[in-house]
All heavy atoms as atom14 arrays in JSON, in Angstrom:
{
  "sequence": "AKLVGEDFLEIKKEQHHKPTKMTKADKKDMYSYYCGLLKDL",
  "atom14_mask": [
    [1, 1, 1, 1, 1, 0, 0, 0, 0, 0, 0, 0, 0, 0],
    [1, 1, 1, 1, 1, 1, 1, 1, 1, 0, 0, 0, 0, 0],
    [1, 1, 1, 1, 1, 1, 1, 1, 0, 0, 0, 0, 0, 0],
    [1, 1, 1, 1, 1, 1, 1, 0, 0, 0, 0, 0, 0, 0],
    [1, 1, 1, 1, 0, 0, 0, 0, 0, 0, 0, 0, 0, 0],
    [1, 1, 1, 1, 1, 1, 1, 1, 1, 0, 0, 0, 0, 0],
    [1, 1, 1, 1, 1, 1, 1, 1, 0, 0, 0, 0, 0, 0],
    [1, 1, 1, 1, 1, 1, 1, 1, 1, 1, 1, 0, 0, 0],
    [1, 1, 1, 1, 1, 1, 1, 1, 0, 0, 0, 0, 0, 0],
    [1, 1, 1, 1, 1, 1, 1, 1, 1, 0, 0, 0, 0, 0],
    [1, 1, 1, 1, 1, 1, 1, 1, 0, 0, 0, 0, 0, 0],
    [1, 1, 1, 1, 1, 1, 1, 1, 1, 0, 0, 0, 0, 0],
    [1, 1, 1, 1, 1, 1, 1, 1, 1, 0, 0, 0, 0, 0],
    [1, 1, 1, 1, 1, 1, 1, 1, 1, 0, 0, 0, 0, 0],
    [1, 1, 1, 1, 1, 1, 1, 1, 1, 0, 0, 0, 0, 0],
    [1, 1, 1, 1, 1, 1, 1, 1, 1, 1, 0, 0, 0, 0],
    [1, 1, 1, 1, 1, 1, 1, 1, 1, 1, 0, 0, 0, 0],
    [1, 1, 1, 1, 1, 1, 1, 1, 1, 0, 0, 0, 0, 0],
    [1, 1, 1, 1, 1, 1, 1, 0, 0, 0, 0, 0, 0, 0],
    [1, 1, 1, 1, 1, 1, 1, 0, 0, 0, 0, 0, 0, 0],
    [1, 1, 1, 1, 1, 1, 1, 1, 1, 0, 0, 0, 0, 0],
    [1, 1, 1, 1, 1, 1, 1, 1, 0, 0, 0, 0, 0, 0],
    [1, 1, 1, 1, 1, 1, 1, 0, 0, 0, 0, 0, 0, 0],
    [1, 1, 1, 1, 1, 1, 1, 1, 1, 0, 0, 0, 0, 0],
    [1, 1, 1, 1, 1, 0, 0, 0, 0, 0, 0, 0, 0, 0],
    [1, 1, 1, 1, 1, 1, 1, 1, 0, 0, 0, 0, 0, 0],
    [1, 1, 1, 1, 1, 1, 1, 1, 1, 0, 0, 0, 0, 0],
    [1, 1, 1, 1, 1, 1, 1, 1, 1, 0, 0, 0, 0, 0],
    [1, 1, 1, 1, 1, 1, 1, 1, 0, 0, 0, 0, 0, 0],
    [1, 1, 1, 1, 1, 1, 1, 1, 0, 0, 0, 0, 0, 0],
    [1, 1, 1, 1, 1, 1, 1, 1, 1, 1, 1, 1, 0, 0],
    [1, 1, 1, 1, 1, 1, 0, 0, 0, 0, 0, 0, 0, 0],
    [1, 1, 1, 1, 1, 1, 1, 1, 1, 1, 1, 1, 0, 0],
    [1, 1, 1, 1, 1, 1, 1, 1, 1, 1, 1, 1, 0, 0],
    [1, 1, 1, 1, 1, 1, 0, 0, 0, 0, 0, 0, 0, 0],
    [1, 1, 1, 1, 0, 0, 0, 0, 0, 0, 0, 0, 0, 0],
    [1, 1, 1, 1, 1, 1, 1, 1, 0, 0, 0, 0, 0, 0],
    [1, 1, 1, 1, 1, 1, 1, 1, 0, 0, 0, 0, 0, 0],
    [1, 1, 1, 1, 1, 1, 1, 1, 1, 0, 0, 0, 0, 0],
    [1, 1, 1, 1, 1, 1, 1, 1, 0, 0, 0, 0, 0, 0],
    [1, 1, 1, 1, 1, 1, 1, 1, 0, 0, 0, 0, 0, 0]
  ],
  "atom14_positions": [
    [[-32.9, -21.15, 29.13], [-31.54, -20.85, 28.67], [-31.38, -19.37, 28.52], [-30.21, -18.81, 28.88], [-31.27, -21.48, 27.22], [0.0, 0.0, 0.0], [0.0, 0.0, 0.0], [0.0, 0.0, 0.0], [0.0, 0.0, 0.0], [0.0, 0.0, 0.0], [0.0, 0.0, 0.0], [0.0, 0.0, 0.0], [0.0, 0.0, 0.0], [0.0, 0.0, 0.0]],
    [[-32.38, -18.59, 28.14], [-32.36, -17.14, 28.11], [-32.3, -16.56, 29.52], [-31.51, -15.56, 29.76], [-33.57, -16.67, 27.4], [-33.53, -15.09, 27.17], [-34.86, -14.69, 26.5], [-34.92, -13.13, 26.42], [-36.16, -12.73, 25.84], [0.0, 0.0, 0.0], [0.0, 0.0, 0.0], [0.0, 0.0, 0.0], [0.0, 0.0, 0.0], [0.0, 0.0, 0.0]],
    [[-32.98, -17.2, 30.45], [-32.96, -16.67, 31.8], [-31.64, -16.87, 32.6], [-31.13, -15.94, 33.25], [-34.12, -17.38, 32.56], [-34.55, -16.78, 33.91], [-35.16, -15.45, 33.74], [-35.62, -17.77, 34.52], [0.0, 0.0, 0.0], [0.0, 0.0, 0.0], [0.0, 0.0, 0.0], [0.0, 0.0, 0.0], [0.0, 0.0, 0.0], [0.0, 0.0, 0.0]],
    [[-31.11, -18.08, 32.45], [-29.91, -18.44, 33.29], [-28.61, -18.59, 32.48], [-27.52, -18.66, 32.98], [-30.08, -19.72, 34.08], [-31.24, -19.53, 35.04], [-30.3, -20.95, 33.18], [0.0, 0.0, 0.0], [0.0, 0.0, 0.0], [0.0, 0.0, 0.0], [0.0, 0.0, 0.0], [0.0, 0.0, 0.0], [0.0, 0.0, 0.0], [0.0, 0.0, 0.0]],
    [[-28.7, -18.63, 31.01], [-27.58, -18.69, 30.21], [-27.48, -20.11, 29.78], [-27.68, -21.02, 30.57], [0.0, 0.0, 0.0], [0.0, 0.0, 0.0], [0.0, 0.0, 0.0], [0.0, 0.0, 0.0], [0.0, 0.0, 0.0], [0.0, 0.0, 0.0], [0.0, 0.0, 0.0], [0.0, 0.0, 0.0], [0.0, 0.0, 0.0], [0.0, 0.0, 0.0]],
    [[-27.1, -20.42, 28.49], [-27.01, -21.73, 27.95], [-25.93, -22.54, 28.67], [-26.18, -23.69, 28.98], [-26.7, -21.66, 26.43], [-27.9, -21.16, 25.73], [-27.69, -21.18, 24.13], [-26.88, -21.99, 23.72], [-28.37, -20.47, 23.47], [0.0, 0.0, 0.0], [0.0, 0.0, 0.0], [0.0, 0.0, 0.0], [0.0, 0.0, 0.0], [0.0, 0.0, 0.0]],
    [[-24.72, -21.98, 28.92], [-23.64, -22.76, 29.6], [-24.18, -23.25, 31.0], [-23.86, -24.38, 31.39], [-22.44, -21.9, 29.68], [-21.84, -21.66, 28.26], [-22.19, -22.41, 27.35], [-20.97, -20.76, 28.18], [0.0, 0.0, 0.0], [0.0, 0.0, 0.0], [0.0, 0.0, 0.0], [0.0, 0.0, 0.0], [0.0, 0.0, 0.0], [0.0, 0.0, 0.0]],
    [[-24.65, -22.24, 31.77], [-25.17, -22.66, 33.08], [-26.25, -23.66, 33.08], [-26.23, -24.63, 33.9], [-25.6, -21.44, 33.8], [-25.98, -21.61, 35.23], [-25.06, -21.67, 36.19], [-27.35, -21.6, 35.66], [-25.37, -21.92, 37.53], [-27.69, -21.86, 37.04], [-26.64, -21.95, 37.95], [0.0, 0.0, 0.0], [0.0, 0.0, 0.0], [0.0, 0.0, 0.0]],
    [[-27.12, -23.62, 32.11], [-28.28, -24.63, 32.01], [-27.62, -25.93, 31.69], [-28.09, -26.93, 32.25], [-29.31, -24.09, 30.98], [-30.41, -25.07, 30.84], [-31.18, -25.19, 32.06], [-31.3, -24.52, 29.65], [0.0, 0.0, 0.0], [0.0, 0.0, 0.0], [0.0, 0.0, 0.0], [0.0, 0.0, 0.0], [0.0, 0.0, 0.0], [0.0, 0.0, 0.0]],
    [[-26.7, -26.02, 30.86], [-26.05, -27.29, 30.52], [-25.3, -27.82, 31.64], [-25.39, -29.07, 31.91], [-25.01, -27.14, 29.4], [-25.58, -27.15, 28.02], [-26.54, -28.34, 27.77], [-26.08, -29.44, 27.93], [-27.64, -28.17, 27.24], [0.0, 0.0, 0.0], [0.0, 0.0, 0.0], [0.0, 0.0, 0.0], [0.0, 0.0, 0.0], [0.0, 0.0, 0.0]],
    [[-24.62, -27.1, 32.5], [-24.02, -27.52, 33.66], [-25.01, -28.13, 34.64], [-24.83, -29.23, 35.3], [-23.14, -26.37, 34.28], [-21.97, -26.03, 33.61], [-22.73, -26.8, 35.8], [-21.32, -24.74, 33.92], [0.0, 0.0, 0.0], [0.0, 0.0, 0.0], [0.0, 0.0, 0.0], [0.0, 0.0, 0.0], [0.0, 0.0, 0.0], [0.0, 0.0, 0.0]],
    [[-26.12, -27.48, 34.83], [-27.11, -27.88, 35.79], [-27.84, -29.19, 35.2], [-28.06, -30.06, 35.92], [-28.2, -26.77, 35.86], [-27.79, -25.65, 36.83], [-27.59, -26.16, 38.24], [-27.26, -25.01, 39.23], [-27.32, -25.53, 40.54], [0.0, 0.0, 0.0], [0.0, 0.0, 0.0], [0.0, 0.0, 0.0], [0.0, 0.0, 0.0], [0.0, 0.0, 0.0]],
    [[-28.04, -29.31, 33.87], [-28.56, -30.44, 33.36], [-27.66, -31.67, 33.56], [-28.14, -32.73, 34.09], [-28.73, -30.26, 31.8], [-29.89, -29.55, 31.37], [-29.93, -29.61, 29.84], [-31.2, -28.76, 29.39], [-31.28, -28.84, 27.9], [0.0, 0.0, 0.0], [0.0, 0.0, 0.0], [0.0, 0.0, 0.0], [0.0, 0.0, 0.0], [0.0, 0.0, 0.0]],
    [[-26.37, -31.56, 33.41], [-25.46, -32.62, 33.77], [-25.46, -32.99, 35.2], [-25.45, -34.1, 35.59], [-24.06, -32.17, 33.3], [-23.83, -32.15, 31.8], [-22.36, -31.71, 31.44], [-21.54, -31.87, 32.24], [-22.28, -31.16, 30.33], [0.0, 0.0, 0.0], [0.0, 0.0, 0.0], [0.0, 0.0, 0.0], [0.0, 0.0, 0.0], [0.0, 0.0, 0.0]],
    [[-25.51, -31.92, 36.0], [-25.48, -32.13, 37.42], [-26.65, -32.96, 37.94], [-26.64, -33.84, 38.7], [-25.43, -30.81, 38.15], [-25.51, -30.91, 39.73], [-25.66, -29.53, 40.31], [-25.53, -28.49, 39.65], [-25.82, -29.5, 41.64], [0.0, 0.0, 0.0], [0.0, 0.0, 0.0], [0.0, 0.0, 0.0], [0.0, 0.0, 0.0], [0.0, 0.0, 0.0]],
    [[-27.88, -32.62, 37.28], [-29.19, -33.29, 37.69], [-29.49, -34.6, 36.97], [-30.34, -35.3, 37.46], [-30.15, -32.23, 37.6], [-30.26, -31.18, 38.54], [-29.96, -31.36, 39.87], [-30.1, -29.78, 38.36], [-29.91, -30.18, 40.47], [-29.94, -29.22, 39.53], [0.0, 0.0, 0.0], [0.0, 0.0, 0.0], [0.0, 0.0, 0.0], [0.0, 0.0, 0.0]],
    [[-28.69, -34.96, 36.0], [-28.93, -36.21, 35.37], [-28.24, -37.45, 36.09], [-28.43, -38.57, 35.8], [-28.58, -36.22, 33.92], [-29.64, -35.57, 32.98], [-30.07, -34.32, 33.19], [-30.18, -36.06, 31.99], [-31.06, -34.07, 32.36], [-31.09, -35.04, 31.52], [0.0, 0.0, 0.0], [0.0, 0.0, 0.0], [0.0, 0.0, 0.0], [0.0, 0.0, 0.0]],
    [[-27.42, -37.0, 37.12], [-26.87, -38.1, 37.98], [-27.93, -38.39, 39.06], [-28.27, -37.52, 39.76], [-25.52, -37.57, 38.62], [-24.5, -37.13, 37.56], [-23.33, -36.55, 38.21], [-22.37, -36.07, 37.19], [-21.32, -35.11, 37.81], [0.0, 0.0, 0.0], [0.0, 0.0, 0.0], [0.0, 0.0, 0.0], [0.0, 0.0, 0.0], [0.0, 0.0, 0.0]],
    [[-28.2, -39.64, 39.16], [-29.18, -40.02, 40.3], [-28.55, -39.62, 41.66], [-27.48, -40.05, 42.07], [-29.27, -41.52, 40.17], [-28.6, -41.92, 38.92], [-27.68, -40.77, 38.48], [0.0, 0.0, 0.0], [0.0, 0.0, 0.0], [0.0, 0.0, 0.0], [0.0, 0.0, 0.0], [0.0, 0.0, 0.0], [0.0, 0.0, 0.0], [0.0, 0.0, 0.0]],
    [[-29.35, -38.9, 42.41], [-28.95, -38.4, 43.7], [-30.13, -38.62, 44.65], [-31.28, -38.12, 44.42], [-28.64, -36.92, 43.71], [-27.65, -36.78, 42.62], [-28.02, -36.45, 44.97], [0.0, 0.0, 0.0], [0.0, 0.0, 0.0], [0.0, 0.0, 0.0], [0.0, 0.0, 0.0], [0.0, 0.0, 0.0], [0.0, 0.0, 0.0], [0.0, 0.0, 0.0]],
    [[-29.9, -39.26, 45.8], [-30.89, -39.33, 46.81], [-30.47, -38.43, 47.91], [-29.4, -38.08, 48.31], [-30.85, -40.83, 47.35], [-31.26, -41.83, 46.49], [-32.65, -42.13, 46.66], [-33.1, -43.38, 45.63], [-34.43, -43.55, 45.75], [0.0, 0.0, 0.0], [0.0, 0.0, 0.0], [0.0, 0.0, 0.0], [0.0, 0.0, 0.0], [0.0, 0.0, 0.0]],
    [[-31.5, -37.86, 48.61], [-31.36, -36.95, 49.7], [-31.68, -37.71, 50.95], [-32.78, -38.43, 51.06], [-32.18, -35.6, 49.56], [-31.74, -34.78, 48.4], [-32.81, -33.28, 48.4], [-32.2, -32.36, 49.87], [0.0, 0.0, 0.0], [0.0, 0.0, 0.0], [0.0, 0.0, 0.0], [0.0, 0.0, 0.0], [0.0, 0.0, 0.0], [0.0, 0.0, 0.0]],
    [[-30.89, -37.67, 52.01], [-31.14, -38.26, 53.27], [-32.1, -37.35, 53.94], [-32.29, -36.14, 53.63], [-29.93, -38.44, 54.02], [-29.29, -37.13, 54.41], [-28.91, -39.36, 53.35], [0.0, 0.0, 0.0], [0.0, 0.0, 0.0], [0.0, 0.0, 0.0], [0.0, 0.0, 0.0], [0.0, 0.0, 0.0], [0.0, 0.0, 0.0], [0.0, 0.0, 0.0]],
    [[-32.66, -37.73, 55.18], [-33.47, -36.86, 55.93], [-32.68, -35.8, 56.45], [-33.19, -34.63, 56.53], [-34.11, -37.82, 57.12], [-35.2, -38.58, 56.72], [-35.83, -39.29, 57.82], [-36.94, -40.2, 57.43], [-37.65, -40.84, 58.55], [0.0, 0.0, 0.0], [0.0, 0.0, 0.0], [0.0, 0.0, 0.0], [0.0, 0.0, 0.0], [0.0, 0.0, 0.0]],
    [[-31.4, -36.07, 56.8], [-30.58, -34.96, 57.31], [-30.34, -33.87, 56.22], [-30.3, -32.65, 56.51], [-29.25, -35.54, 57.85], [0.0, 0.0, 0.0], [0.0, 0.0, 0.0], [0.0, 0.0, 0.0], [0.0, 0.0, 0.0], [0.0, 0.0, 0.0], [0.0, 0.0, 0.0], [0.0, 0.0, 0.0], [0.0, 0.0, 0.0], [0.0, 0.0, 0.0]],
    [[-30.09, -34.31, 54.91], [-29.85, -33.39, 53.92], [-31.07, -32.55, 53.68], [-31.01, -31.42, 53.51], [-29.7, -34.19, 52.55], [-28.32, -34.96, 52.55], [-27.44, -34.51, 53.26], [-28.3, -35.87, 51.71], [0.0, 0.0, 0.0], [0.0, 0.0, 0.0], [0.0, 0.0, 0.0], [0.0, 0.0, 0.0], [0.0, 0.0, 0.0], [0.0, 0.0, 0.0]],
    [[-32.39, -33.24, 53.64], [-33.49, -32.4, 53.53], [-33.79, -31.44, 54.69], [-34.22, -30.27, 54.38], [-34.8, -33.29, 53.37], [-34.82, -34.16, 52.11], [-35.92, -35.12, 51.99], [-37.16, -34.34, 51.51], [-38.3, -35.29, 51.28], [0.0, 0.0, 0.0], [0.0, 0.0, 0.0], [0.0, 0.0, 0.0], [0.0, 0.0, 0.0], [0.0, 0.0, 0.0]],
    [[-33.48, -31.82, 55.83], [-33.54, -30.93, 56.98], [-32.67, -29.74, 56.81], [-32.99, -28.55, 57.13], [-33.17, -31.73, 58.37], [-33.41, -30.87, 59.57], [-33.1, -31.62, 60.84], [-33.23, -30.76, 62.01], [-32.86, -31.49, 63.23], [0.0, 0.0, 0.0], [0.0, 0.0, 0.0], [0.0, 0.0, 0.0], [0.0, 0.0, 0.0], [0.0, 0.0, 0.0]],
    [[-31.38, -29.95, 56.44], [-30.41, -28.86, 56.19], [-30.92, -27.97, 55.03], [-30.81, -26.71, 55.19], [-29.02, -29.42, 55.85], [-28.31, -30.08, 56.97], [-28.74, -29.79, 58.17], [-27.33, -30.79, 56.78], [0.0, 0.0, 0.0], [0.0, 0.0, 0.0], [0.0, 0.0, 0.0], [0.0, 0.0, 0.0], [0.0, 0.0, 0.0], [0.0, 0.0, 0.0]],
    [[-31.42, -28.54, 53.99], [-31.88, -27.76, 52.82], [-33.03, -26.85, 53.29], [-33.11, -25.67, 52.97], [-32.36, -28.7, 51.73], [-32.91, -27.96, 50.55], [-33.81, -29.05, 49.44], [-35.27, -29.48, 50.36], [0.0, 0.0, 0.0], [0.0, 0.0, 0.0], [0.0, 0.0, 0.0], [0.0, 0.0, 0.0], [0.0, 0.0, 0.0], [0.0, 0.0, 0.0]],
    [[-33.86, -27.43, 54.1], [-35.13, -26.76, 54.54], [-34.62, -25.56, 55.28], [-35.18, -24.41, 55.15], [-36.15, -27.68, 55.18], [-37.31, -26.99, 55.63], [-38.34, -26.66, 54.74], [-37.65, -26.74, 56.99], [-39.54, -25.93, 55.09], [-38.8, -26.1, 57.38], [-39.78, -25.82, 56.5], [-40.97, -25.11, 56.79], [0.0, 0.0, 0.0], [0.0, 0.0, 0.0]],
    [[-33.73, -25.85, 56.26], [-33.37, -24.79, 57.25], [-32.59, -23.6, 56.43], [-32.93, -22.39, 56.6], [-32.32, -25.4, 58.13], [-31.82, -24.38, 59.01], [0.0, 0.0, 0.0], [0.0, 0.0, 0.0], [0.0, 0.0, 0.0], [0.0, 0.0, 0.0], [0.0, 0.0, 0.0], [0.0, 0.0, 0.0], [0.0, 0.0, 0.0], [0.0, 0.0, 0.0]],
    [[-31.86, -24.02, 55.39], [-31.16, -23.03, 54.46], [-32.24, -22.21, 53.82], [-32.14, -20.93, 53.77], [-30.21, -23.68, 53.56], [-29.7, -22.73, 52.57], [-28.69, -21.9, 52.84], [-30.25, -22.65, 51.22], [-28.09, -21.07, 51.9], [-29.72, -21.81, 50.27], [-28.64, -20.98, 50.69], [-28.12, -20.03, 49.72], [0.0, 0.0, 0.0], [0.0, 0.0, 0.0]],
    [[-33.24, -22.92, 53.16], [-34.2, -22.12, 52.44], [-35.08, -21.26, 53.26], [-35.55, -20.21, 52.92], [-35.02, -23.12, 51.5], [-34.31, -23.42, 50.27], [-34.43, -24.78, 49.83], [-33.44, -22.66, 49.61], [-33.75, -25.08, 48.64], [-32.71, -22.95, 48.42], [-32.88, -24.21, 47.94], [-32.3, -24.59, 46.83], [0.0, 0.0, 0.0], [0.0, 0.0, 0.0]],
    [[-35.48, -21.66, 54.55], [-36.28, -20.86, 55.48], [-35.55, -19.57, 55.77], [-36.08, -18.55, 55.72], [-36.58, -21.67, 56.77], [-37.91, -22.86, 56.44], [0.0, 0.0, 0.0], [0.0, 0.0, 0.0], [0.0, 0.0, 0.0], [0.0, 0.0, 0.0], [0.0, 0.0, 0.0], [0.0, 0.0, 0.0], [0.0, 0.0, 0.0], [0.0, 0.0, 0.0]],
    [[-34.24, -19.79, 56.0], [-33.37, -18.58, 56.33], [-33.29, -17.7, 55.11], [-33.37, -16.36, 55.19], [0.0, 0.0, 0.0], [0.0, 0.0, 0.0], [0.0, 0.0, 0.0], [0.0, 0.0, 0.0], [0.0, 0.0, 0.0], [0.0, 0.0, 0.0], [0.0, 0.0, 0.0], [0.0, 0.0, 0.0], [0.0, 0.0, 0.0], [0.0, 0.0, 0.0]],
    [[-33.12, -18.23, 53.96], [-33.14, -17.3, 52.58], [-34.45, -16.75, 52.46], [-34.43, -15.41, 52.17], [-32.86, -18.24, 51.49], [-32.83, -17.62, 50.13], [-31.79, -16.55, 50.09], [-32.5, -18.7, 49.11], [0.0, 0.0, 0.0], [0.0, 0.0, 0.0], [0.0, 0.0, 0.0], [0.0, 0.0, 0.0], [0.0, 0.0, 0.0], [0.0, 0.0, 0.0]],
    [[-35.5, -17.31, 52.68], [-36.93, -16.64, 52.54], [-36.97, -15.45, 53.61], [-37.49, -14.37, 53.13], [-38.09, -17.6, 52.79], [-39.43, -17.17, 52.64], [-39.65, -16.4, 51.3], [-40.48, -18.15, 52.88], [0.0, 0.0, 0.0], [0.0, 0.0, 0.0], [0.0, 0.0, 0.0], [0.0, 0.0, 0.0], [0.0, 0.0, 0.0], [0.0, 0.0, 0.0]],
    [[-36.6, -15.75, 54.74], [-36.59, -14.68, 55.77], [-35.82, -13.39, 55.34], [-36.29, -12.32, 55.39], [-36.18, -15.13, 57.07], [-36.26, -14.24, 58.32], [-35.72, -14.86, 59.56], [-35.72, -13.9, 60.68], [-35.19, -14.43, 61.85], [0.0, 0.0, 0.0], [0.0, 0.0, 0.0], [0.0, 0.0, 0.0], [0.0, 0.0, 0.0], [0.0, 0.0, 0.0]],
    [[-34.63, -13.7, 54.74], [-33.81, -12.6, 54.29], [-34.43, -11.85, 53.15], [-34.39, -10.65, 53.08], [-32.44, -13.21, 53.85], [-31.45, -12.14, 53.32], [-31.23, -11.15, 54.1], [-31.05, -12.18, 52.28], [0.0, 0.0, 0.0], [0.0, 0.0, 0.0], [0.0, 0.0, 0.0], [0.0, 0.0, 0.0], [0.0, 0.0, 0.0], [0.0, 0.0, 0.0]],
    [[-34.99, -12.6, 52.09], [-35.72, -12.04, 51.12], [-36.86, -11.01, 51.48], [-36.91, -9.98, 50.97], [-36.22, -13.03, 50.11], [-35.21, -13.87, 49.22], [-35.77, -14.97, 48.59], [-34.39, -12.95, 48.3], [0.0, 0.0, 0.0], [0.0, 0.0, 0.0], [0.0, 0.0, 0.0], [0.0, 0.0, 0.0], [0.0, 0.0, 0.0], [0.0, 0.0, 0.0]]
  ]
}
C-alpha cells in the first residue's frame, strides 16, 4: 500500500479477485509484451 498507494492496491485487489483464465494466445501476447519491456529497460 505504501509502495503503490492504498487506492490503487484496492483497485488491483478487486480486479484480481475475479476468476480469470488466460488462453494460450493471451499468454503469448503477454510474454511478447514483457520481453519487449525488458529489452527497453
